[in-house]
């Protein structure tokens, strides 16, 4: 009786499986015609330095991006890089996202601990949820200094709550343009060339992007 019951159950399950329609979750894709989005933070450049805003420095590539994109001219920066980057990537005032200062000067006060609040969803995370592929290249400097370690934790790395699927660059405030301490996602990596072979950090991240 037990053997007969088991055979009947097996037959029923097999029969249902043969008739069931596949129901894999659909891949989320950006809307048709959704634009590619490139965000470039250029450090230590005044508002009026480039030709885009009437300055003397020719920047033909930036000019081309501006002419074929959307130009905003009311972004408030901090005198420090990490707070400005935090604002740019979240749309919040730097103090609202814990970045009233740089990571090396983090303090146990609201707005200064350099810890991205869990209630804040950065732009890259929003785009990723909408089907975009996201990546960050270059200097990061928005991970708390006590988490800058190959063993993690990684929740506040670029590939964590900041919303980027991939990262290639360095995590510190500054590094050598010829011998940078590079990470690919979470893994320390060597430069693909030596300086004698023509290596330069800016060229490397541009090619990788």
C-alpha atoms as a PDB file:
ATOM      1  CA  UNK A   1       0.000   0.000   0.000  1.00  0.00           C
ATOM      2  CA  UNK A   2       2.849   2.358   0.917  1.00  0.00           C
ATOM      3  CA  UNK A   3       4.639   1.619  -2.393  1.00  0.00           C
ATOM      4  CA  UNK A   4       1.460   2.210  -4.405  1.00  0.00           C
ATOM      5  CA  UNK A   5       0.826   5.565  -2.687  1.00  0.00           C
ATOM      6  CA  UNK A   6       4.399   6.746  -3.351  1.00  0.00           C
ATOM      7  CA  UNK A   7       4.126   5.825  -7.038  1.00  0.00           C
ATOM      8  CA  UNK A   8       0.854   7.719  -7.346  1.00  0.00           C
ATOM      9  CA  UNK A   9       2.284  10.861  -5.747  1.00  0.00           C
ATOM     10  CA  UNK A  10       5.367  10.747  -7.974  1.00  0.00           C
ATOM     11  CA  UNK A  11       3.208  10.399 -11.077  1.00  0.00           C
ATOM     12  CA  UNK A  12       1.032  13.334 -10.031  1.00  0.00           C
ATOM     13  CA  UNK A  13       4.001  15.642  -9.395  1.00  0.00           C
ATOM     14  CA  UNK A  14       5.629  14.689 -12.710  1.00  0.00           C
ATOM     15  CA  UNK A  15       2.361  15.293 -14.549  1.00  0.00           C
ATOM     16  CA  UNK A  16       1.966  18.769 -13.006  1.00  0.00           C
ATOM     17  CA  UNK A  17       5.577  19.676 -13.797  1.00  0.00           C
ATOM     18  CA  UNK A  18       5.121  18.747 -17.452  1.00  0.00           C
ATOM     19  CA  UNK A  19       2.060  21.005 -17.761  1.00  0.00           C
ATOM     20  CA  UNK A  20       3.398  23.991 -15.750  1.00  0.00           C
ATOM     21  CA  UNK A  21       4.485  27.056 -17.719  1.00  0.00           C
ATOM     22  CA  UNK A  22       7.952  28.492 -16.972  1.00  0.00           C
ATOM     23  CA  UNK A  23       7.705  31.428 -14.563  1.00  0.00           C
ATOM     24  CA  UNK A  24      11.216  32.832 -14.205  1.00  0.00           C
ATOM     25  CA  UNK A  25      11.237  36.475 -13.017  1.00  0.00           C
ATOM     26  CA  UNK A  26      11.633  38.830 -15.961  1.00  0.00           C
ATOM     27  CA  UNK A  27      14.882  40.778 -16.234  1.00  0.00           C
ATOM     28  CA  UNK A  28      14.380  44.431 -15.437  1.00  0.00           C
ATOM     29  CA  UNK A  29      15.367  46.566 -18.416  1.00  0.00           C
ATOM     30  CA  UNK A  30      15.616  50.348 -18.742  1.00  0.00           C
ATOM     31  CA  UNK A  31      12.796  52.023 -20.612  1.00  0.00           C
ATOM     32  CA  UNK A  32      13.173  52.078 -24.376  1.00  0.00           C
ATOM     33  CA  UNK A  33      15.293  55.041 -25.365  1.00  0.00           C
ATOM     34  CA  UNK A  34      16.649  55.541 -21.848  1.00  0.00           C
ATOM     35  CA  UNK A  35      19.856  57.591 -22.076  1.00  0.00           C
ATOM     36  CA  UNK A  36      23.312  56.515 -21.027  1.00  0.00           C
ATOM     37  CA  UNK A  37      24.364  58.499 -17.961  1.00  0.00           C
ATOM     38  CA  UNK A  38      27.967  59.585 -17.336  1.00  0.00           C
ATOM     39  CA  UNK A  39      28.795  61.502 -14.148  1.00  0.00           C
ATOM     40  CA  UNK A  40      32.280  63.036 -13.926  1.00  0.00           C
ATOM     41  CA  UNK A  41      33.522  64.726 -10.757  1.00  0.00           C
ATOM     42  CA  UNK A  42      36.551  66.894 -11.543  1.00  0.00           C
ATOM     43  CA  UNK A  43      38.346  67.842  -8.338  1.00  0.00           C
ATOM     44  CA  UNK A  44      39.814  71.285  -7.574  1.00  0.00           C
ATOM     45  CA  UNK A  45      38.411  73.047 -10.648  1.00  0.00           C
ATOM     46  CA  UNK A  46      36.656  76.351 -10.055  1.00  0.00           C
ATOM     47  CA  UNK A  47      33.239  77.033 -11.561  1.00  0.00           C
ATOM     48  CA  UNK A  48      34.515  79.548 -14.107  1.00  0.00           C
ATOM     49  CA  UNK A  49      37.764  77.832 -15.105  1.00  0.00           C
ATOM     50  CA  UNK A  50      36.595  75.969 -18.212  1.00  0.00           C
ATOM     51  CA  UNK A  51      35.142  77.225 -21.462  1.00  0.00           C
ATOM     52  CA  UNK A  52      31.783  75.695 -20.514  1.00  0.00           C
ATOM     53  CA  UNK A  53      31.205  78.586 -18.127  1.00  0.00           C
ATOM     54  CA  UNK A  54      33.196  81.312 -19.830  1.00  0.00           C
ATOM     55  CA  UNK A  55      36.665  80.350 -18.591  1.00  0.00           C
ATOM     56  CA  UNK A  56      39.970  80.253 -20.484  1.00  0.00           C
ATOM     57  CA  UNK A  57      40.623  76.491 -20.322  1.00  0.00           C
ATOM     58  CA  UNK A  58      39.588  74.590 -23.464  1.00  0.00           C
ATOM     59  CA  UNK A  59      37.740  71.361 -22.619  1.00  0.00           C
ATOM     60  CA  UNK A  60      36.385  70.113 -25.969  1.00  0.00           C
ATOM     61  CA  UNK A  61      35.224  66.740 -24.655  1.00  0.00           C
ATOM     62  CA  UNK A  62      33.328  68.280 -21.756  1.00  0.00           C
ATOM     63  CA  UNK A  63      31.888  70.823 -24.180  1.00  0.00           C
ATOM     64  CA  UNK A  64      30.645  68.035 -26.460  1.00  0.00           C
ATOM     65  CA  UNK A  65      29.017  66.267 -23.513  1.00  0.00           C
ATOM     66  CA  UNK A  66      27.346  69.506 -22.501  1.00  0.00           C
ATOM     67  CA  UNK A  67      26.069  70.257 -25.998  1.00  0.00           C
ATOM     68  CA  UNK A  68      24.503  66.801 -26.342  1.00  0.00           C
ATOM     69  CA  UNK A  69      23.324  66.403 -22.772  1.00  0.00           C
ATOM     70  CA  UNK A  70      21.683  68.300 -19.934  1.00  0.00           C
ATOM     71  CA  UNK A  71      23.528  71.092 -18.170  1.00  0.00           C
ATOM     72  CA  UNK A  72      22.899  72.000 -14.528  1.00  0.00           C
ATOM     73  CA  UNK A  73      24.542  75.045 -12.989  1.00  0.00           C
ATOM     74  CA  UNK A  74      23.252  75.276  -9.424  1.00  0.00           C
ATOM     75  CA  UNK A  75      25.136  72.535  -7.566  1.00  0.00           C
ATOM     76  CA  UNK A  76      26.621  73.499  -4.211  1.00  0.00           C
ATOM     77  CA  UNK A  77      30.030  71.993  -3.527  1.00  0.00           C
ATOM     78  CA  UNK A  78      32.069  71.593  -0.373  1.00  0.00           C
ATOM     79  CA  UNK A  79      35.704  72.652  -0.173  1.00  0.00           C
ATOM     80  CA  UNK A  80      36.513  68.953   0.323  1.00  0.00           C
ATOM     81  CA  UNK A  81      36.144  66.165  -2.228  1.00  0.00           C
ATOM     82  CA  UNK A  82      34.281  63.444  -0.299  1.00  0.00           C
ATOM     83  CA  UNK A  83      31.418  65.710   0.829  1.00  0.00           C
ATOM     84  CA  UNK A  84      30.951  67.014  -2.719  1.00  0.00           C
ATOM     85  CA  UNK A  85      30.990  63.474  -4.109  1.00  0.00           C
ATOM     86  CA  UNK A  86      28.460  62.313  -1.507  1.00  0.00           C
ATOM     87  CA  UNK A  87      26.113  65.154  -2.473  1.00  0.00           C
ATOM     88  CA  UNK A  88      26.539  64.511  -6.189  1.00  0.00           C
ATOM     89  CA  UNK A  89      25.782  60.795  -5.865  1.00  0.00           C
ATOM     90  CA  UNK A  90      22.779  61.161  -3.549  1.00  0.00           C
ATOM     91  CA  UNK A  91      21.183  64.534  -4.255  1.00  0.00           C
ATOM     92  CA  UNK A  92      21.373  65.427  -0.560  1.00  0.00           C
ATOM     93  CA  UNK A  93      23.284  68.055   1.360  1.00  0.00           C
ATOM     94  CA  UNK A  94      26.557  66.456   2.484  1.00  0.00           C
ATOM     95  CA  UNK A  95      25.641  66.670   6.189  1.00  0.00           C
ATOM     96  CA  UNK A  96      22.392  64.786   5.566  1.00  0.00           C
ATOM     97  CA  UNK A  97      24.366  61.780   4.322  1.00  0.00           C
ATOM     98  CA  UNK A  98      27.065  61.824   7.024  1.00  0.00           C
ATOM     99  CA  UNK A  99      29.728  63.586   4.969  1.00  0.00           C
ATOM    100  CA  UNK A 100      30.288  66.963   6.562  1.00  0.00           C
ATOM    101  CA  UNK A 101      33.968  66.044   6.350  1.00  0.00           C
ATOM    102  CA  UNK A 102      36.367  63.543   4.763  1.00  0.00           C
ATOM    103  CA  UNK A 103      36.622  59.966   6.006  1.00  0.00           C
ATOM    104  CA  UNK A 104      39.953  60.476   7.794  1.00  0.00           C
ATOM    105  CA  UNK A 105      38.373  63.208   9.927  1.00  0.00           C
ATOM    106  CA  UNK A 106      35.194  61.281  10.788  1.00  0.00           C
ATOM    107  CA  UNK A 107      33.697  62.215  14.153  1.00  0.00           C
ATOM    108  CA  UNK A 108      30.903  60.704  16.304  1.00  0.00           C
ATOM    109  CA  UNK A 109      28.455  63.512  15.600  1.00  0.00           C
ATOM    110  CA  UNK A 110      25.411  63.737  13.331  1.00  0.00           C
ATOM    111  CA  UNK A 111      26.487  64.607   9.826  1.00  0.00           C
ATOM    112  CA  UNK A 112      30.163  63.835  10.373  1.00  0.00           C
ATOM    113  CA  UNK A 113      30.524  60.058  10.804  1.00  0.00           C
ATOM    114  CA  UNK A 114      31.036  59.409   7.034  1.00  0.00           C
ATOM    115  CA  UNK A 115      28.532  56.535   7.166  1.00  0.00           C
ATOM    116  CA  UNK A 116      25.896  56.569   4.417  1.00  0.00           C
ATOM    117  CA  UNK A 117      22.510  56.394   6.202  1.00  0.00           C
ATOM    118  CA  UNK A 118      20.478  53.296   5.400  1.00  0.00           C
ATOM    119  CA  UNK A 119      17.459  55.490   4.618  1.00  0.00           C
ATOM    120  CA  UNK A 120      19.319  57.178   1.739  1.00  0.00           C
ATOM    121  CA  UNK A 121      19.191  55.577  -1.712  1.00  0.00           C
ATOM    122  CA  UNK A 122      22.003  56.869  -3.951  1.00  0.00           C
ATOM    123  CA  UNK A 123      21.343  57.596  -7.604  1.00  0.00           C
ATOM    124  CA  UNK A 124      23.319  54.541  -8.772  1.00  0.00           C
ATOM    125  CA  UNK A 125      21.118  52.252  -6.665  1.00  0.00           C
ATOM    126  CA  UNK A 126      17.984  53.799  -8.178  1.00  0.00           C
ATOM    127  CA  UNK A 127      19.357  53.324 -11.688  1.00  0.00           C
ATOM    128  CA  UNK A 128      20.376  49.727 -10.976  1.00  0.00           C
ATOM    129  CA  UNK A 129      16.868  48.963  -9.725  1.00  0.00           C
ATOM    130  CA  UNK A 130      15.598  50.367 -13.022  1.00  0.00           C
ATOM    131  CA  UNK A 131      17.686  47.965 -15.097  1.00  0.00           C
ATOM    132  CA  UNK A 132      20.808  50.042 -15.671  1.00  0.00           C
ATOM    133  CA  UNK A 133      24.305  48.577 -15.395  1.00  0.00           C
ATOM    134  CA  UNK A 134      26.328  50.755 -13.015  1.00  0.00           C
ATOM    135  CA  UNK A 135      30.057  51.193 -12.435  1.00  0.00           C
ATOM    136  CA  UNK A 136      32.419  53.660 -10.752  1.00  0.00           C
ATOM    137  CA  UNK A 137      35.987  54.382 -11.835  1.00  0.00           C
ATOM    138  CA  UNK A 138      38.790  56.387 -10.262  1.00  0.00           C
ATOM    139  CA  UNK A 139      39.221  57.885  -6.822  1.00  0.00           C
ATOM    140  CA  UNK A 140      36.475  56.906  -4.375  1.00  0.00           C
ATOM    141  CA  UNK A 141      37.149  58.243  -0.849  1.00  0.00           C
ATOM    142  CA  UNK A 142      33.583  57.724   0.412  1.00  0.00           C
ATOM    143  CA  UNK A 143      34.056  54.500   2.368  1.00  0.00           C
ATOM    144  CA  UNK A 144      34.777  54.876   6.109  1.00  0.00           C
ATOM    145  CA  UNK A 145      38.517  54.462   6.593  1.00  0.00           C
ATOM    146  CA  UNK A 146      38.018  51.569   9.041  1.00  0.00           C
ATOM    147  CA  UNK A 147      36.310  49.572   6.268  1.00  0.00           C
ATOM    148  CA  UNK A 148      39.039  50.089   3.668  1.00  0.00           C
ATOM    149  CA  UNK A 149      40.365  46.554   3.910  1.00  0.00           C
ATOM    150  CA  UNK A 150      40.321  43.646   1.425  1.00  0.00           C
ATOM    151  CA  UNK A 151      38.481  41.518   4.002  1.00  0.00           C
ATOM    152  CA  UNK A 152      35.571  43.929   4.235  1.00  0.00           C
ATOM    153  CA  UNK A 153      32.905  44.538   5.344  1.00  0.00           C
ATOM    154  CA  UNK A 154      31.817  45.807   1.942  1.00  0.00           C
ATOM    155  CA  UNK A 155      28.417  47.347   2.630  1.00  0.00           C
ATOM    156  CA  UNK A 156      29.788  50.901   2.371  1.00  0.00           C
ATOM    157  CA  UNK A 157      32.101  50.247  -0.559  1.00  0.00           C
ATOM    158  CA  UNK A 158      31.087  51.493  -4.025  1.00  0.00           C
ATOM    159  CA  UNK A 159      29.595  48.064  -4.760  1.00  0.00           C
ATOM    160  CA  UNK A 160      27.616  48.066  -1.519  1.00  0.00           C
ATOM    161  CA  UNK A 161      24.812  50.458  -0.635  1.00  0.00           C
ATOM    162  CA  UNK A 162      26.223  53.102  -2.963  1.00  0.00           C
ATOM    163  CA  UNK A 163      24.672  51.067  -5.793  1.00  0.00           C
ATOM    164  CA  UNK A 164      27.515  50.350  -8.216  1.00  0.00           C
ATOM    165  CA  UNK A 165      27.813  46.869  -9.691  1.00  0.00           C
ATOM    166  CA  UNK A 166      31.511  47.329 -10.454  1.00  0.00           C
ATOM    167  CA  UNK A 167      34.375  49.480  -9.206  1.00  0.00           C
ATOM    168  CA  UNK A 168      37.905  50.021 -10.501  1.00  0.00           C
ATOM    169  CA  UNK A 169      40.153  52.542  -8.808  1.00  0.00           C
ATOM    170  CA  UNK A 170      41.535  53.414  -5.387  1.00  0.00           C
ATOM    171  CA  UNK A 171      39.612  53.948  -2.167  1.00  0.00           C
ATOM    172  CA  UNK A 172      41.882  56.418  -0.367  1.00  0.00           C
ATOM    173  CA  UNK A 173      42.048  60.213  -0.371  1.00  0.00           C
ATOM    174  CA  UNK A 174      45.030  60.292  -2.723  1.00  0.00           C
ATOM    175  CA  UNK A 175      47.345  57.853  -4.448  1.00  0.00           C
ATOM    176  CA  UNK A 176      50.138  57.668  -6.988  1.00  0.00           C
ATOM    177  CA  UNK A 177      49.236  58.204 -10.635  1.00  0.00           C
ATOM    178  CA  UNK A 178      51.915  55.639 -11.531  1.00  0.00           C
ATOM    179  CA  UNK A 179      51.763  53.098  -8.672  1.00  0.00           C
ATOM    180  CA  UNK A 180      48.186  53.326  -7.361  1.00  0.00           C
ATOM    181  CA  UNK A 181      46.794  50.798  -4.894  1.00  0.00           C
ATOM    182  CA  UNK A 182      43.998  49.544  -7.106  1.00  0.00           C
ATOM    183  CA  UNK A 183      40.882  47.546  -6.353  1.00  0.00           C
ATOM    184  CA  UNK A 184      38.619  45.809  -8.826  1.00  0.00           C
ATOM    185  CA  UNK A 185      35.314  45.474  -7.000  1.00  0.00           C
ATOM    186  CA  UNK A 186      36.633  44.029  -3.689  1.00  0.00           C
ATOM    187  CA  UNK A 187      39.935  42.576  -4.905  1.00  0.00           C
ATOM    188  CA  UNK A 188      43.344  44.319  -4.782  1.00  0.00           C
ATOM    189  CA  UNK A 189      44.932  44.213  -8.250  1.00  0.00           C
ATOM    190  CA  UNK A 190      48.200  45.258  -9.848  1.00  0.00           C
ATOM    191  CA  UNK A 191      48.448  47.878 -12.564  1.00  0.00           C
ATOM    192  CA  UNK A 192      48.348  46.341 -16.065  1.00  0.00           C
ATOM    193  CA  UNK A 193      51.605  48.103 -17.000  1.00  0.00           C
ATOM    194  CA  UNK A 194      54.596  49.753 -15.359  1.00  0.00           C
ATOM    195  CA  UNK A 195      55.333  53.479 -15.728  1.00  0.00           C
ATOM    196  CA  UNK A 196      58.215  52.550 -18.045  1.00  0.00           C
ATOM    197  CA  UNK A 197      55.639  50.851 -20.262  1.00  0.00           C
ATOM    198  CA  UNK A 198      53.535  54.005 -20.295  1.00  0.00           C
ATOM    199  CA  UNK A 199      51.185  53.406 -17.371  1.00  0.00           C
ATOM    200  CA  UNK A 200      49.183  56.350 -16.045  1.00  0.00           C
ATOM    201  CA  UNK A 201      46.180  56.045 -13.739  1.00  0.00           C
ATOM    202  CA  UNK A 202      43.900  58.434 -15.636  1.00  0.00           C
ATOM    203  CA  UNK A 203      44.467  56.607 -18.925  1.00  0.00           C
ATOM    204  CA  UNK A 204      43.940  53.252 -17.215  1.00  0.00           C
ATOM    205  CA  UNK A 205      40.549  54.050 -15.687  1.00  0.00           C
ATOM    206  CA  UNK A 206      39.393  55.740 -18.889  1.00  0.00           C
ATOM    207  CA  UNK A 207      40.241  52.668 -20.946  1.00  0.00           C
ATOM    208  CA  UNK A 208      38.669  50.361 -18.362  1.00  0.00           C
ATOM    209  CA  UNK A 209      35.452  52.358 -18.346  1.00  0.00           C
END
